[in-house]
Full PDB file with SEQRES, HELIX, SHEET, SSBOND, CRYST1, ORIGX, SCALE, CONECT and MASTER records, all heavy atoms in Angstrom:
SEQRES   1 A   39  ASP MET LEU PRO ASP VAL ALA ASP HIS VAL LYS PRO GLY          
SEQRES   2 A   39  GLY ILE TYR ILE ALA SER GLY ILE LEU LYS GLU LYS LEU          
SEQRES   3 A   39  THR ASP VAL GLU GLU ALA LEU LYS GLY ALA GLY PHE GLU          
HELIX    1 AA1 LEU A    3  HIS A    9  1                                   7    
HELIX    2 AA2 LYS A   23  LYS A   25  5                                   3    
HELIX    3 AA3 LEU A   26  GLY A   35  1                                  10    
CRYST1    1.000    1.000    1.000  90.00  90.00  90.00 P 1           1          
ORIGX1      1.000000  0.000000  0.000000        0.00000                         
ORIGX2      0.000000  1.000000  0.000000        0.00000                         
ORIGX3      0.000000  0.000000  1.000000        0.00000                         
SCALE1      1.000000  0.000000  0.000000        0.00000                         
SCALE2      0.000000  1.000000  0.000000        0.00000                         
SCALE3      0.000000  0.000000  1.000000        0.00000                         
ATOM      1  N   ASP A   1      -5.775   8.986  -5.453  1.00  0.00           N  
ATOM      2  CA  ASP A   1      -5.498   9.959  -6.516  1.00  0.00           C  
ATOM      3  C   ASP A   1      -6.650  10.950  -6.735  1.00  0.00           C  
ATOM      4  O   ASP A   1      -6.405  12.105  -7.085  1.00  0.00           O  
ATOM      5  CB  ASP A   1      -5.211   9.234  -7.833  1.00  0.00           C  
ATOM      6  CG  ASP A   1      -3.845   8.561  -7.853  1.00  0.00           C  
ATOM      7  OD1 ASP A   1      -3.029   8.877  -6.968  1.00  0.00           O  
ATOM      8  OD2 ASP A   1      -3.615   7.699  -8.721  1.00  0.00           O  
ATOM      9  N   MET A   2      -7.896  10.501  -6.519  1.00  0.00           N  
ATOM     10  CA  MET A   2      -9.015  11.376  -6.851  1.00  0.00           C  
ATOM     11  C   MET A   2      -9.575  12.124  -5.642  1.00  0.00           C  
ATOM     12  O   MET A   2     -10.562  12.851  -5.772  1.00  0.00           O  
ATOM     13  CB  MET A   2     -10.134  10.574  -7.517  1.00  0.00           C  
ATOM     14  CG  MET A   2     -10.894   9.644  -6.603  1.00  0.00           C  
ATOM     15  SD  MET A   2     -12.167   8.724  -7.530  1.00  0.00           S  
ATOM     16  CE  MET A   2     -13.007   7.897  -6.182  1.00  0.00           C  
ATOM     17  N   LEU A   3      -8.939  11.998  -4.469  1.00  0.00           N  
ATOM     18  CA  LEU A   3      -9.481  12.643  -3.276  1.00  0.00           C  
ATOM     19  C   LEU A   3      -9.632  14.159  -3.403  1.00  0.00           C  
ATOM     20  O   LEU A   3     -10.631  14.712  -2.887  1.00  0.00           O  
ATOM     21  CB  LEU A   3      -8.625  12.305  -2.059  1.00  0.00           C  
ATOM     22  CG  LEU A   3      -8.970  10.976  -1.368  1.00  0.00           C  
ATOM     23  CD1 LEU A   3      -8.018  10.684  -0.227  1.00  0.00           C  
ATOM     24  CD2 LEU A   3     -10.422  11.007  -0.864  1.00  0.00           C  
ATOM     25  N   PRO A   4      -8.743  14.894  -4.066  1.00  0.00           N  
ATOM     26  CA  PRO A   4      -9.006  16.320  -4.237  1.00  0.00           C  
ATOM     27  C   PRO A   4     -10.301  16.588  -4.980  1.00  0.00           C  
ATOM     28  O   PRO A   4     -11.055  17.520  -4.616  1.00  0.00           O  
ATOM     29  CB  PRO A   4      -7.784  16.796  -5.040  1.00  0.00           C  
ATOM     30  CG  PRO A   4      -6.702  15.839  -4.678  1.00  0.00           C  
ATOM     31  CD  PRO A   4      -7.399  14.507  -4.545  1.00  0.00           C  
ATOM     32  N   ASP A   5     -10.605  15.788  -6.006  1.00  0.00           N  
ATOM     33  CA  ASP A   5     -11.876  15.938  -6.722  1.00  0.00           C  
ATOM     34  C   ASP A   5     -13.056  15.532  -5.837  1.00  0.00           C  
ATOM     35  O   ASP A   5     -14.125  16.157  -5.867  1.00  0.00           O  
ATOM     36  CB  ASP A   5     -11.876  15.081  -7.996  1.00  0.00           C  
ATOM     37  CG  ASP A   5     -11.064  15.704  -9.113  1.00  0.00           C  
ATOM     38  OD1 ASP A   5     -11.048  16.944  -9.183  1.00  0.00           O  
ATOM     39  OD2 ASP A   5     -10.447  14.973  -9.881  1.00  0.00           O  
ATOM     40  N   VAL A   6     -12.878  14.475  -5.070  1.00  0.00           N  
ATOM     41  CA  VAL A   6     -13.941  14.030  -4.166  1.00  0.00           C  
ATOM     42  C   VAL A   6     -14.305  15.135  -3.208  1.00  0.00           C  
ATOM     43  O   VAL A   6     -15.480  15.450  -2.994  1.00  0.00           O  
ATOM     44  CB  VAL A   6     -13.515  12.765  -3.389  1.00  0.00           C  
ATOM     45  CG1 VAL A   6     -14.512  12.456  -2.272  1.00  0.00           C  
ATOM     46  CG2 VAL A   6     -13.423  11.563  -4.331  1.00  0.00           C  
ATOM     47  N   ALA A   7     -13.277  15.768  -2.614  1.00  0.00           N  
ATOM     48  CA  ALA A   7     -13.536  16.844  -1.645  1.00  0.00           C  
ATOM     49  C   ALA A   7     -14.348  17.974  -2.264  1.00  0.00           C  
ATOM     50  O   ALA A   7     -15.188  18.588  -1.607  1.00  0.00           O  
ATOM     51  CB  ALA A   7     -12.206  17.370  -1.107  1.00  0.00           C  
ATOM     52  N   ASP A   8     -14.123  18.235  -3.561  1.00  0.00           N  
ATOM     53  CA  ASP A   8     -14.860  19.315  -4.232  1.00  0.00           C  
ATOM     54  C   ASP A   8     -16.324  18.950  -4.465  1.00  0.00           C  
ATOM     55  O   ASP A   8     -17.143  19.834  -4.738  1.00  0.00           O  
ATOM     56  CB  ASP A   8     -14.217  19.626  -5.581  1.00  0.00           C  
ATOM     57  CG  ASP A   8     -12.886  20.354  -5.445  1.00  0.00           C  
ATOM     58  OD1 ASP A   8     -12.646  20.946  -4.354  1.00  0.00           O  
ATOM     59  OD2 ASP A   8     -12.087  20.335  -6.385  1.00  0.00           O  
ATOM     60  N   HIS A   9     -16.640  17.657  -4.395  1.00  0.00           N  
ATOM     61  CA  HIS A   9     -18.005  17.229  -4.705  1.00  0.00           C  
ATOM     62  C   HIS A   9     -18.769  16.699  -3.490  1.00  0.00           C  
ATOM     63  O   HIS A   9     -19.919  16.284  -3.620  1.00  0.00           O  
ATOM     64  CB  HIS A   9     -17.967  16.137  -5.785  1.00  0.00           C  
ATOM     65  CG  HIS A   9     -17.594  16.685  -7.150  1.00  0.00           C  
ATOM     66  ND1 HIS A   9     -16.309  16.965  -7.504  1.00  0.00           N  
ATOM     67  CD2 HIS A   9     -18.370  17.018  -8.219  1.00  0.00           C  
ATOM     68  CE1 HIS A   9     -16.287  17.437  -8.734  1.00  0.00           C  
ATOM     69  NE2 HIS A   9     -17.524  17.488  -9.189  1.00  0.00           N  
ATOM     70  N   VAL A  10     -18.140  16.766  -2.321  1.00  0.00           N  
ATOM     71  CA  VAL A  10     -18.844  16.441  -1.074  1.00  0.00           C  
ATOM     72  C   VAL A  10     -19.154  17.765  -0.363  1.00  0.00           C  
ATOM     73  O   VAL A  10     -18.252  18.564  -0.105  1.00  0.00           O  
ATOM     74  CB  VAL A  10     -17.997  15.555  -0.141  1.00  0.00           C  
ATOM     75  CG1 VAL A  10     -18.748  15.267   1.150  1.00  0.00           C  
ATOM     76  CG2 VAL A  10     -17.608  14.269  -0.838  1.00  0.00           C  
ATOM     77  N   LYS A  11     -20.403  18.001  -0.058  1.00  0.00           N  
ATOM     78  CA  LYS A  11     -20.769  19.229   0.630  1.00  0.00           C  
ATOM     79  C   LYS A  11     -20.127  19.273   2.008  1.00  0.00           C  
ATOM     80  O   LYS A  11     -19.872  18.229   2.620  1.00  0.00           O  
ATOM     81  CB  LYS A  11     -22.290  19.320   0.758  1.00  0.00           C  
ATOM     82  CG  LYS A  11     -23.004  19.509  -0.568  1.00  0.00           C  
ATOM     83  CD  LYS A  11     -24.516  19.611  -0.380  1.00  0.00           C  
ATOM     84  CE  LYS A  11     -25.208  19.858  -1.720  1.00  0.00           C  
ATOM     85  NZ  LYS A  11     -26.690  19.964  -1.576  1.00  0.00           N  
ATOM     86  N   PRO A  12     -19.811  20.479   2.532  1.00  0.00           N  
ATOM     87  CA  PRO A  12     -19.277  20.570   3.895  1.00  0.00           C  
ATOM     88  C   PRO A  12     -20.159  19.826   4.876  1.00  0.00           C  
ATOM     89  O   PRO A  12     -21.370  19.999   4.906  1.00  0.00           O  
ATOM     90  CB  PRO A  12     -19.268  22.090   4.167  1.00  0.00           C  
ATOM     91  CG  PRO A  12     -19.141  22.691   2.808  1.00  0.00           C  
ATOM     92  CD  PRO A  12     -19.945  21.799   1.894  1.00  0.00           C  
ATOM     93  N   GLY A  13     -19.538  18.952   5.657  1.00  0.00           N  
ATOM     94  CA  GLY A  13     -20.285  18.121   6.590  1.00  0.00           C  
ATOM     95  C   GLY A  13     -20.833  16.854   5.951  1.00  0.00           C  
ATOM     96  O   GLY A  13     -21.413  16.016   6.651  1.00  0.00           O  
ATOM     97  N   GLY A  14     -20.637  16.710   4.637  1.00  0.00           N  
ATOM     98  CA  GLY A  14     -21.137  15.532   3.931  1.00  0.00           C  
ATOM     99  C   GLY A  14     -20.257  14.316   4.119  1.00  0.00           C  
ATOM    100  O   GLY A  14     -19.170  14.378   4.732  1.00  0.00           O  
ATOM    101  N   ILE A  15     -20.727  13.202   3.598  1.00  0.00           N  
ATOM    102  CA  ILE A  15     -20.100  11.904   3.839  1.00  0.00           C  
ATOM    103  C   ILE A  15     -19.485  11.346   2.565  1.00  0.00           C  
ATOM    104  O   ILE A  15     -20.099  11.394   1.489  1.00  0.00           O  
ATOM    105  CB  ILE A  15     -21.143  10.886   4.376  1.00  0.00           C  
ATOM    106  CG1 ILE A  15     -21.819  11.423   5.640  1.00  0.00           C  
ATOM    107  CG2 ILE A  15     -20.491   9.527   4.624  1.00  0.00           C  
ATOM    108  CD1 ILE A  15     -20.866  11.630   6.800  1.00  0.00           C  
ATOM    109  N   TYR A  16     -18.284  10.791   2.698  1.00  0.00           N  
ATOM    110  CA  TYR A  16     -17.652  10.043   1.617  1.00  0.00           C  
ATOM    111  C   TYR A  16     -17.516   8.589   2.050  1.00  0.00           C  
ATOM    112  O   TYR A  16     -16.947   8.304   3.120  1.00  0.00           O  
ATOM    113  CB  TYR A  16     -16.288  10.626   1.269  1.00  0.00           C  
ATOM    114  CG  TYR A  16     -15.544   9.823   0.203  1.00  0.00           C  
ATOM    115  CD1 TYR A  16     -16.182   9.421  -0.971  1.00  0.00           C  
ATOM    116  CD2 TYR A  16     -14.211   9.475   0.391  1.00  0.00           C  
ATOM    117  CE1 TYR A  16     -15.498   8.683  -1.935  1.00  0.00           C  
ATOM    118  CE2 TYR A  16     -13.530   8.762  -0.578  1.00  0.00           C  
ATOM    119  CZ  TYR A  16     -14.162   8.365  -1.733  1.00  0.00           C  
ATOM    120  OH  TYR A  16     -13.501   7.636  -2.677  1.00  0.00           O  
ATOM    121  N   ILE A  17     -18.074   7.692   1.250  1.00  0.00           N  
ATOM    122  CA  ILE A  17     -18.010   6.249   1.502  1.00  0.00           C  
ATOM    123  C   ILE A  17     -17.122   5.639   0.423  1.00  0.00           C  
ATOM    124  O   ILE A  17     -17.334   5.844  -0.760  1.00  0.00           O  
ATOM    125  CB  ILE A  17     -19.412   5.618   1.456  1.00  0.00           C  
ATOM    126  CG1 ILE A  17     -20.306   6.212   2.550  1.00  0.00           C  
ATOM    127  CG2 ILE A  17     -19.325   4.092   1.572  1.00  0.00           C  
ATOM    128  CD1 ILE A  17     -21.783   5.898   2.353  1.00  0.00           C  
ATOM    129  N   ALA A  18     -16.112   4.882   0.854  1.00  0.00           N  
ATOM    130  CA  ALA A  18     -15.163   4.288  -0.087  1.00  0.00           C  
ATOM    131  C   ALA A  18     -14.955   2.837   0.228  1.00  0.00           C  
ATOM    132  O   ALA A  18     -14.856   2.439   1.397  1.00  0.00           O  
ATOM    133  CB  ALA A  18     -13.843   5.041  -0.061  1.00  0.00           C  
ATOM    134  N   SER A  19     -14.868   2.015  -0.835  1.00  0.00           N  
ATOM    135  CA  SER A  19     -14.576   0.598  -0.647  1.00  0.00           C  
ATOM    136  C   SER A  19     -13.769   0.116  -1.855  1.00  0.00           C  
ATOM    137  O   SER A  19     -13.336   0.912  -2.684  1.00  0.00           O  
ATOM    138  CB  SER A  19     -15.867  -0.201  -0.481  1.00  0.00           C  
ATOM    139  OG  SER A  19     -15.575  -1.516  -0.062  1.00  0.00           O  
ATOM    140  N   GLY A  20     -13.562  -1.217  -1.939  1.00  0.00           N  
ATOM    141  CA  GLY A  20     -12.654  -1.755  -2.937  1.00  0.00           C  
ATOM    142  C   GLY A  20     -11.218  -1.654  -2.463  1.00  0.00           C  
ATOM    143  O   GLY A  20     -10.272  -1.707  -3.244  1.00  0.00           O  
ATOM    144  N   ILE A  21     -11.040  -1.513  -1.156  1.00  0.00           N  
ATOM    145  CA  ILE A  21      -9.722  -1.270  -0.544  1.00  0.00           C  
ATOM    146  C   ILE A  21      -9.185  -2.557   0.048  1.00  0.00           C  
ATOM    147  O   ILE A  21      -9.793  -3.128   0.968  1.00  0.00           O  
ATOM    148  CB  ILE A  21      -9.828  -0.195   0.546  1.00  0.00           C  
ATOM    149  CG1 ILE A  21     -10.464   1.089   0.007  1.00  0.00           C  
ATOM    150  CG2 ILE A  21      -8.457   0.087   1.158  1.00  0.00           C  
ATOM    151  CD1 ILE A  21     -10.897   2.054   1.113  1.00  0.00           C  
ATOM    152  N   LEU A  22      -8.064  -3.046  -0.458  1.00  0.00           N  
ATOM    153  CA  LEU A  22      -7.413  -4.192   0.190  1.00  0.00           C  
ATOM    154  C   LEU A  22      -7.048  -3.790   1.614  1.00  0.00           C  
ATOM    155  O   LEU A  22      -6.583  -2.691   1.855  1.00  0.00           O  
ATOM    156  CB  LEU A  22      -6.172  -4.620  -0.583  1.00  0.00           C  
ATOM    157  CG  LEU A  22      -6.444  -5.358  -1.897  1.00  0.00           C  
ATOM    158  CD1 LEU A  22      -5.162  -5.442  -2.723  1.00  0.00           C  
ATOM    159  CD2 LEU A  22      -6.994  -6.744  -1.634  1.00  0.00           C  
ATOM    160  N   LYS A  23      -7.256  -4.710   2.563  1.00  0.00           N  
ATOM    161  CA  LYS A  23      -7.128  -4.334   3.973  1.00  0.00           C  
ATOM    162  C   LYS A  23      -5.728  -3.819   4.314  1.00  0.00           C  
ATOM    163  O   LYS A  23      -5.571  -2.947   5.182  1.00  0.00           O  
ATOM    164  CB  LYS A  23      -7.487  -5.519   4.868  1.00  0.00           C  
ATOM    165  CG  LYS A  23      -6.605  -6.757   4.726  1.00  0.00           C  
ATOM    166  CD  LYS A  23      -7.112  -7.893   5.600  1.00  0.00           C  
ATOM    167  CE  LYS A  23      -6.262  -9.142   5.465  1.00  0.00           C  
ATOM    168  NZ  LYS A  23      -6.784 -10.250   6.299  1.00  0.00           N  
ATOM    169  N   GLU A  24      -4.691  -4.303   3.597  1.00  0.00           N  
ATOM    170  CA  GLU A  24      -3.339  -3.816   3.900  1.00  0.00           C  
ATOM    171  C   GLU A  24      -3.112  -2.387   3.385  1.00  0.00           C  
ATOM    172  O   GLU A  24      -2.106  -1.756   3.761  1.00  0.00           O  
ATOM    173  CB  GLU A  24      -2.276  -4.748   3.307  1.00  0.00           C  
ATOM    174  CG  GLU A  24      -2.361  -4.968   1.811  1.00  0.00           C  
ATOM    175  CD  GLU A  24      -3.158  -6.217   1.457  1.00  0.00           C  
ATOM    176  OE1 GLU A  24      -4.036  -6.602   2.241  1.00  0.00           O  
ATOM    177  OE2 GLU A  24      -2.858  -6.794   0.395  1.00  0.00           O  
ATOM    178  N   LYS A  25      -4.054  -1.871   2.575  1.00  0.00           N  
ATOM    179  CA  LYS A  25      -3.916  -0.503   2.066  1.00  0.00           C  
ATOM    180  C   LYS A  25      -4.874   0.480   2.772  1.00  0.00           C  
ATOM    181  O   LYS A  25      -4.928   1.660   2.426  1.00  0.00           O  
ATOM    182  CB  LYS A  25      -4.171  -0.473   0.567  1.00  0.00           C  
ATOM    183  CG  LYS A  25      -3.147  -1.300  -0.216  1.00  0.00           C  
ATOM    184  CD  LYS A  25      -3.410  -1.272  -1.705  1.00  0.00           C  
ATOM    185  CE  LYS A  25      -2.376  -2.114  -2.441  1.00  0.00           C  
ATOM    186  NZ  LYS A  25      -2.621  -2.127  -3.919  1.00  0.00           N  
ATOM    187  N   LEU A  26      -5.605  -0.026   3.749  1.00  0.00           N  
ATOM    188  CA  LEU A  26      -6.596   0.812   4.427  1.00  0.00           C  
ATOM    189  C   LEU A  26      -5.945   2.003   5.109  1.00  0.00           C  
ATOM    190  O   LEU A  26      -6.445   3.142   5.024  1.00  0.00           O  
ATOM    191  CB  LEU A  26      -7.376  -0.036   5.456  1.00  0.00           C  
ATOM    192  CG  LEU A  26      -8.416   0.716   6.291  1.00  0.00           C  
ATOM    193  CD1 LEU A  26      -9.496   1.341   5.399  1.00  0.00           C  
ATOM    194  CD2 LEU A  26      -9.045  -0.232   7.315  1.00  0.00           C  
ATOM    195  N   THR A  27      -4.827   1.800   5.791  1.00  0.00           N  
ATOM    196  CA  THR A  27      -4.149   2.897   6.475  1.00  0.00           C  
ATOM    197  C   THR A  27      -3.732   3.996   5.498  1.00  0.00           C  
ATOM    198  O   THR A  27      -3.822   5.180   5.816  1.00  0.00           O  
ATOM    199  CB  THR A  27      -2.927   2.372   7.253  1.00  0.00           C  
ATOM    200  OG1 THR A  27      -3.355   1.396   8.213  1.00  0.00           O  
ATOM    201  CG2 THR A  27      -2.216   3.502   7.990  1.00  0.00           C  
ATOM    202  N   ASP A  28      -3.255   3.594   4.330  1.00  0.00           N  
ATOM    203  CA  ASP A  28      -2.849   4.586   3.316  1.00  0.00           C  
ATOM    204  C   ASP A  28      -4.028   5.471   2.919  1.00  0.00           C  
ATOM    205  O   ASP A  28      -3.886   6.698   2.790  1.00  0.00           O  
ATOM    206  CB  ASP A  28      -2.294   3.892   2.066  1.00  0.00           C  
ATOM    207  CG  ASP A  28      -1.020   3.124   2.334  1.00  0.00           C  
ATOM    208  OD1 ASP A  28      -0.327   3.466   3.313  1.00  0.00           O  
ATOM    209  OD2 ASP A  28      -0.705   2.200   1.566  1.00  0.00           O  
ATOM    210  N   VAL A  29      -5.205   4.861   2.724  1.00  0.00           N  
ATOM    211  CA  VAL A  29      -6.382   5.623   2.352  1.00  0.00           C  
ATOM    212  C   VAL A  29      -6.824   6.522   3.495  1.00  0.00           C  
ATOM    213  O   VAL A  29      -7.174   7.703   3.281  1.00  0.00           O  
ATOM    214  CB  VAL A  29      -7.530   4.671   1.931  1.00  0.00           C  
ATOM    215  CG1 VAL A  29      -8.790   5.483   1.594  1.00  0.00           C  
ATOM    216  CG2 VAL A  29      -7.118   3.835   0.734  1.00  0.00           C  
ATOM    217  N   GLU A  30      -6.775   6.018   4.709  1.00  0.00           N  
ATOM    218  CA  GLU A  30      -7.175   6.831   5.875  1.00  0.00           C  
ATOM    219  C   GLU A  30      -6.280   8.067   6.015  1.00  0.00           C  
ATOM    220  O   GLU A  30      -6.779   9.184   6.278  1.00  0.00           O  
ATOM    221  CB  GLU A  30      -7.120   5.992   7.133  1.00  0.00           C  
ATOM    222  CG  GLU A  30      -8.188   4.904   7.205  1.00  0.00           C  
ATOM    223  CD  GLU A  30      -8.031   3.991   8.399  1.00  0.00           C  
ATOM    224  OE1 GLU A  30      -6.950   4.010   9.032  1.00  0.00           O  
ATOM    225  OE2 GLU A  30      -9.001   3.270   8.715  1.00  0.00           O  
ATOM    226  N   GLU A  31      -4.982   7.895   5.823  1.00  0.00           N  
ATOM    227  CA  GLU A  31      -4.060   9.039   5.927  1.00  0.00           C  
ATOM    228  C   GLU A  31      -4.320  10.045   4.819  1.00  0.00           C  
ATOM    229  O   GLU A  31      -4.269  11.264   5.043  1.00  0.00           O  
ATOM    230  CB  GLU A  31      -2.610   8.535   5.873  1.00  0.00           C  
ATOM    231  CG  GLU A  31      -2.160   7.769   7.094  1.00  0.00           C  
ATOM    232  CD  GLU A  31      -2.299   8.589   8.373  1.00  0.00           C  
ATOM    233  OE1 GLU A  31      -1.917   9.783   8.352  1.00  0.00           O  
ATOM    234  OE2 GLU A  31      -2.791   8.049   9.385  1.00  0.00           O  
ATOM    235  N   ALA A  32      -4.579   9.549   3.606  1.00  0.00           N  
ATOM    236  CA  ALA A  32      -4.880  10.451   2.485  1.00  0.00           C  
ATOM    237  C   ALA A  32      -6.162  11.222   2.726  1.00  0.00           C  
ATOM    238  O   ALA A  32      -6.268  12.403   2.384  1.00  0.00           O  
ATOM    239  CB  ALA A  32      -4.961   9.650   1.180  1.00  0.00           C  
ATOM    240  N   LEU A  33      -7.145  10.594   3.329  1.00  0.00           N  
ATOM    241  CA  LEU A  33      -8.409  11.276   3.629  1.00  0.00           C  
ATOM    242  C   LEU A  33      -8.191  12.424   4.621  1.00  0.00           C  
ATOM    243  O   LEU A  33      -8.736  13.535   4.430  1.00  0.00           O  
ATOM    244  CB  LEU A  33      -9.406  10.277   4.224  1.00  0.00           C  
ATOM    245  CG  LEU A  33     -10.201   9.431   3.232  1.00  0.00           C  
ATOM    246  CD1 LEU A  33     -10.854   8.259   3.963  1.00  0.00           C  
ATOM    247  CD2 LEU A  33     -11.251  10.273   2.535  1.00  0.00           C  
ATOM    248  N   LYS A  34      -7.410  12.180   5.640  1.00  0.00           N  
ATOM    249  CA  LYS A  34      -7.117  13.241   6.610  1.00  0.00           C  
ATOM    250  C   LYS A  34      -6.449  14.432   5.930  1.00  0.00           C  
ATOM    251  O   LYS A  34      -6.776  15.596   6.214  1.00  0.00           O  
ATOM    252  CB  LYS A  34      -6.233  12.710   7.734  1.00  0.00           C  
ATOM    253  CG  LYS A  34      -6.912  11.649   8.592  1.00  0.00           C  
ATOM    254  CD  LYS A  34      -5.936  11.052   9.600  1.00  0.00           C  
ATOM    255  CE  LYS A  34      -6.586   9.917  10.373  1.00  0.00           C  
ATOM    256  NZ  LYS A  34      -5.607   9.239  11.297  1.00  0.00           N  
ATOM    257  N   GLY A  35      -5.527  14.150   5.009  1.00  0.00           N  
ATOM    258  CA  GLY A  35      -4.843  15.205   4.292  1.00  0.00           C  
ATOM    259  C   GLY A  35      -5.741  15.981   3.348  1.00  0.00           C  
ATOM    260  O   GLY A  35      -5.423  17.111   2.952  1.00  0.00           O  
ATOM    261  N   ALA A  36      -6.863  15.356   2.955  1.00  0.00           N  
ATOM    262  CA  ALA A  36      -7.796  16.002   2.019  1.00  0.00           C  
ATOM    263  C   ALA A  36      -8.942  16.688   2.737  1.00  0.00           C  
ATOM    264  O   ALA A  36      -9.895  17.139   2.093  1.00  0.00           O  
ATOM    265  CB  ALA A  36      -8.336  14.956   1.037  1.00  0.00           C  
ATOM    266  N   GLY A  37      -8.888  16.771   4.054  1.00  0.00           N  
ATOM    267  CA  GLY A  37      -9.902  17.500   4.799  1.00  0.00           C  
ATOM    268  C   GLY A  37     -11.076  16.663   5.273  1.00  0.00           C  
ATOM    269  O   GLY A  37     -12.182  17.198   5.479  1.00  0.00           O  
ATOM    270  N   PHE A  38     -10.858  15.368   5.482  1.00  0.00           N  
ATOM    271  CA  PHE A  38     -11.905  14.489   5.951  1.00  0.00           C  
ATOM    272  C   PHE A  38     -11.590  13.952   7.346  1.00  0.00           C  
ATOM    273  O   PHE A  38     -10.423  13.745   7.703  1.00  0.00           O  
ATOM    274  CB  PHE A  38     -12.094  13.280   5.014  1.00  0.00           C  
ATOM    275  CG  PHE A  38     -12.737  13.632   3.706  1.00  0.00           C  
ATOM    276  CD1 PHE A  38     -11.982  14.019   2.615  1.00  0.00           C  
ATOM    277  CD2 PHE A  38     -14.124  13.548   3.563  1.00  0.00           C  
ATOM    278  CE1 PHE A  38     -12.588  14.324   1.399  1.00  0.00           C  
ATOM    279  CE2 PHE A  38     -14.729  13.855   2.356  1.00  0.00           C  
ATOM    280  CZ  PHE A  38     -13.961  14.246   1.268  1.00  0.00           C  
ATOM    281  N   GLU A  39     -12.644  13.714   8.091  1.00  0.00           N  
ATOM    282  CA  GLU A  39     -12.545  13.056   9.411  1.00  0.00           C  
ATOM    283  C   GLU A  39     -13.089  11.633   9.276  1.00  0.00           C  
ATOM    284  O   GLU A  39     -14.213  11.428   8.822  1.00  0.00           O  
ATOM    285  CB  GLU A  39     -13.384  13.837  10.418  1.00  0.00           C  
ATOM    286  CG  GLU A  39     -13.545  13.145  11.770  1.00  0.00           C  
ATOM    287  CD  GLU A  39     -14.647  13.777  12.611  1.00  0.00           C  
ATOM    288  OE1 GLU A  39     -15.424  14.590  12.076  1.00  0.00           O  
ATOM    289  OE2 GLU A  39     -14.762  13.382  13.775  1.00  0.00           O  
TER     290      GLU A  39                                                      
MASTER        0    0    0    3    0    0    0    6  289    1    0    3          
END                                                                             
């Protein structure tokens, strides 16, 4: 839910580290990251 805000606060080329993710939800987070402009 907060990835649009995260993207605004990570400098271009900067790193976002995320945890607290149940392993069965990891793919959902990875897909959302790609949609928010992260590699």
